Amino acid sequence: MAAPSPAAPPRLGMMCGLDLDEHPTHPVRDHLQAAVVLVLFVAVTLLLRP
């Protein structure tokens, strides 16, 4: 009798490649995050200016 084939190992969240179909984009949230990063960058740049 042949032994059963081993099952595939479980997929770990950060260890596997990013499946774009499973992670839809959020355009409004992405734009808000980019705007916040830009404002913080400008604020830090102005504060650190000699």
N, C-alpha and C. Protein backbone atom coordinates (compact mmCIF):
# COMPACT_ATOMS: atom_id res chain seq x y z
N MET A 1 0.85 -1.17 0.00
CA MET A 1 0.00 0.00 0.00
C MET A 1 0.90 1.24 0.00
N ALA A 2 0.60 2.19 -0.86
CA ALA A 2 1.41 3.41 -0.96
C ALA A 2 1.01 4.40 0.12
N ALA A 3 2.01 5.08 0.62
CA ALA A 3 1.75 6.10 1.64
C ALA A 3 1.09 7.32 0.99
N PRO A 4 0.19 7.95 1.71
CA PRO A 4 -0.44 9.15 1.13
C PRO A 4 0.57 10.28 0.99
N SER A 5 0.38 11.10 -0.02
CA SER A 5 1.31 12.22 -0.23
C SER A 5 1.11 13.25 0.87
N PRO A 6 2.19 13.87 1.29
CA PRO A 6 2.06 14.86 2.37
C PRO A 6 1.28 16.09 1.89
N ALA A 7 0.56 16.68 2.80
CA ALA A 7 -0.21 17.89 2.47
C ALA A 7 0.74 19.07 2.31
N ALA A 8 0.31 20.04 1.56
CA ALA A 8 1.13 21.24 1.38
C ALA A 8 1.22 21.98 2.71
N PRO A 9 2.36 22.60 2.98
CA PRO A 9 2.50 23.34 4.23
C PRO A 9 1.56 24.55 4.24
N PRO A 10 1.13 24.97 5.40
CA PRO A 10 0.22 26.12 5.46
C PRO A 10 0.93 27.39 5.00
N ARG A 11 0.18 28.26 4.36
CA ARG A 11 0.75 29.53 3.89
C ARG A 11 0.77 30.52 5.05
N LEU A 12 1.92 31.07 5.33
CA LEU A 12 2.05 32.07 6.38
C LEU A 12 1.79 33.45 5.78
N GLY A 13 1.21 34.34 6.56
CA GLY A 13 0.79 35.64 6.05
C GLY A 13 1.89 36.44 5.38
N MET A 14 2.98 36.68 6.09
CA MET A 14 4.02 37.54 5.53
C MET A 14 5.08 36.75 4.77
N MET A 15 5.04 35.44 4.85
CA MET A 15 6.06 34.64 4.18
C MET A 15 5.72 34.40 2.72
N CYS A 16 4.46 34.48 2.35
CA CYS A 16 4.07 34.21 0.97
C CYS A 16 4.04 35.50 0.17
N GLY A 17 4.00 35.37 -1.13
CA GLY A 17 3.91 36.54 -1.99
C GLY A 17 2.59 37.25 -1.82
N LEU A 18 2.57 38.50 -2.15
CA LEU A 18 1.37 39.30 -2.00
C LEU A 18 0.39 38.99 -3.12
N ASP A 19 -0.79 38.54 -2.76
CA ASP A 19 -1.83 38.29 -3.75
C ASP A 19 -2.66 39.56 -3.90
N LEU A 20 -2.53 40.21 -5.05
CA LEU A 20 -3.20 41.50 -5.23
C LEU A 20 -4.71 41.35 -5.26
N ASP A 21 -5.22 40.19 -5.68
CA ASP A 21 -6.66 40.00 -5.71
C ASP A 21 -7.24 39.93 -4.30
N GLU A 22 -6.44 39.49 -3.34
CA GLU A 22 -6.93 39.37 -1.98
C GLU A 22 -6.80 40.68 -1.21
N HIS A 23 -6.09 41.66 -1.75
CA HIS A 23 -5.86 42.93 -1.07
C HIS A 23 -6.28 44.06 -2.00
N PRO A 24 -7.57 44.41 -2.01
CA PRO A 24 -8.01 45.48 -2.90
C PRO A 24 -7.45 46.83 -2.46
N THR A 25 -7.32 47.73 -3.40
CA THR A 25 -6.78 49.05 -3.08
C THR A 25 -7.88 49.93 -2.48
N HIS A 26 -7.47 50.92 -1.72
CA HIS A 26 -8.38 51.88 -1.12
C HIS A 26 -7.90 53.27 -1.53
N PRO A 27 -8.36 53.80 -2.66
CA PRO A 27 -7.80 55.03 -3.21
C PRO A 27 -7.93 56.23 -2.27
N VAL A 28 -9.05 56.38 -1.58
CA VAL A 28 -9.21 57.54 -0.69
C VAL A 28 -8.23 57.44 0.47
N ARG A 29 -8.16 56.27 1.08
CA ARG A 29 -7.24 56.09 2.21
C ARG A 29 -5.80 56.28 1.78
N ASP A 30 -5.44 55.76 0.61
CA ASP A 30 -4.07 55.90 0.12
C ASP A 30 -3.72 57.36 -0.12
N HIS A 31 -4.66 58.15 -0.66
CA HIS A 31 -4.38 59.56 -0.89
C HIS A 31 -4.27 60.32 0.42
N LEU A 32 -5.10 59.97 1.40
CA LEU A 32 -5.00 60.63 2.69
C LEU A 32 -3.67 60.33 3.37
N GLN A 33 -3.23 59.08 3.29
CA GLN A 33 -1.95 58.73 3.88
C GLN A 33 -0.81 59.47 3.20
N ALA A 34 -0.86 59.58 1.88
CA ALA A 34 0.18 60.31 1.15
C ALA A 34 0.17 61.78 1.53
N ALA A 35 -1.01 62.37 1.71
CA ALA A 35 -1.10 63.77 2.09
C ALA A 35 -0.53 63.99 3.49
N VAL A 36 -0.83 63.09 4.42
CA VAL A 36 -0.31 63.21 5.78
C VAL A 36 1.21 63.09 5.79
N VAL A 37 1.74 62.15 5.03
CA VAL A 37 3.20 61.99 4.95
C VAL A 37 3.83 63.24 4.36
N LEU A 38 3.22 63.82 3.33
CA LEU A 38 3.76 65.03 2.72
C LEU A 38 3.75 66.19 3.71
N VAL A 39 2.67 66.36 4.46
CA VAL A 39 2.59 67.44 5.44
C VAL A 39 3.64 67.24 6.53
N LEU A 40 3.80 66.02 7.02
CA LEU A 40 4.81 65.76 8.04
C LEU A 40 6.21 66.02 7.51
N PHE A 41 6.48 65.64 6.27
CA PHE A 41 7.79 65.87 5.68
C PHE A 41 8.08 67.36 5.59
N VAL A 42 7.12 68.14 5.13
CA VAL A 42 7.31 69.58 5.01
C VAL A 42 7.50 70.20 6.39
N ALA A 43 6.73 69.77 7.38
CA ALA A 43 6.85 70.32 8.73
C ALA A 43 8.22 70.03 9.32
N VAL A 44 8.68 68.79 9.19
CA VAL A 44 10.00 68.43 9.72
C VAL A 44 11.09 69.19 8.98
N THR A 45 10.96 69.33 7.67
CA THR A 45 11.96 70.06 6.89
C THR A 45 12.04 71.52 7.34
N LEU A 46 10.89 72.14 7.56
CA LEU A 46 10.89 73.54 8.00
C LEU A 46 11.42 73.69 9.42
N LEU A 47 11.13 72.73 10.29
CA LEU A 47 11.61 72.82 11.67
C LEU A 47 13.11 72.59 11.77
N LEU A 48 13.66 71.78 10.89
CA LEU A 48 15.10 71.47 10.96
C LEU A 48 15.94 72.45 10.14
N ARG A 49 15.29 73.42 9.51
CA ARG A 49 16.03 74.39 8.70
C ARG A 49 16.86 75.27 9.62
N PRO A 50 18.11 75.55 9.27
CA PRO A 50 18.96 76.39 10.15
C PRO A 50 18.53 77.83 10.18
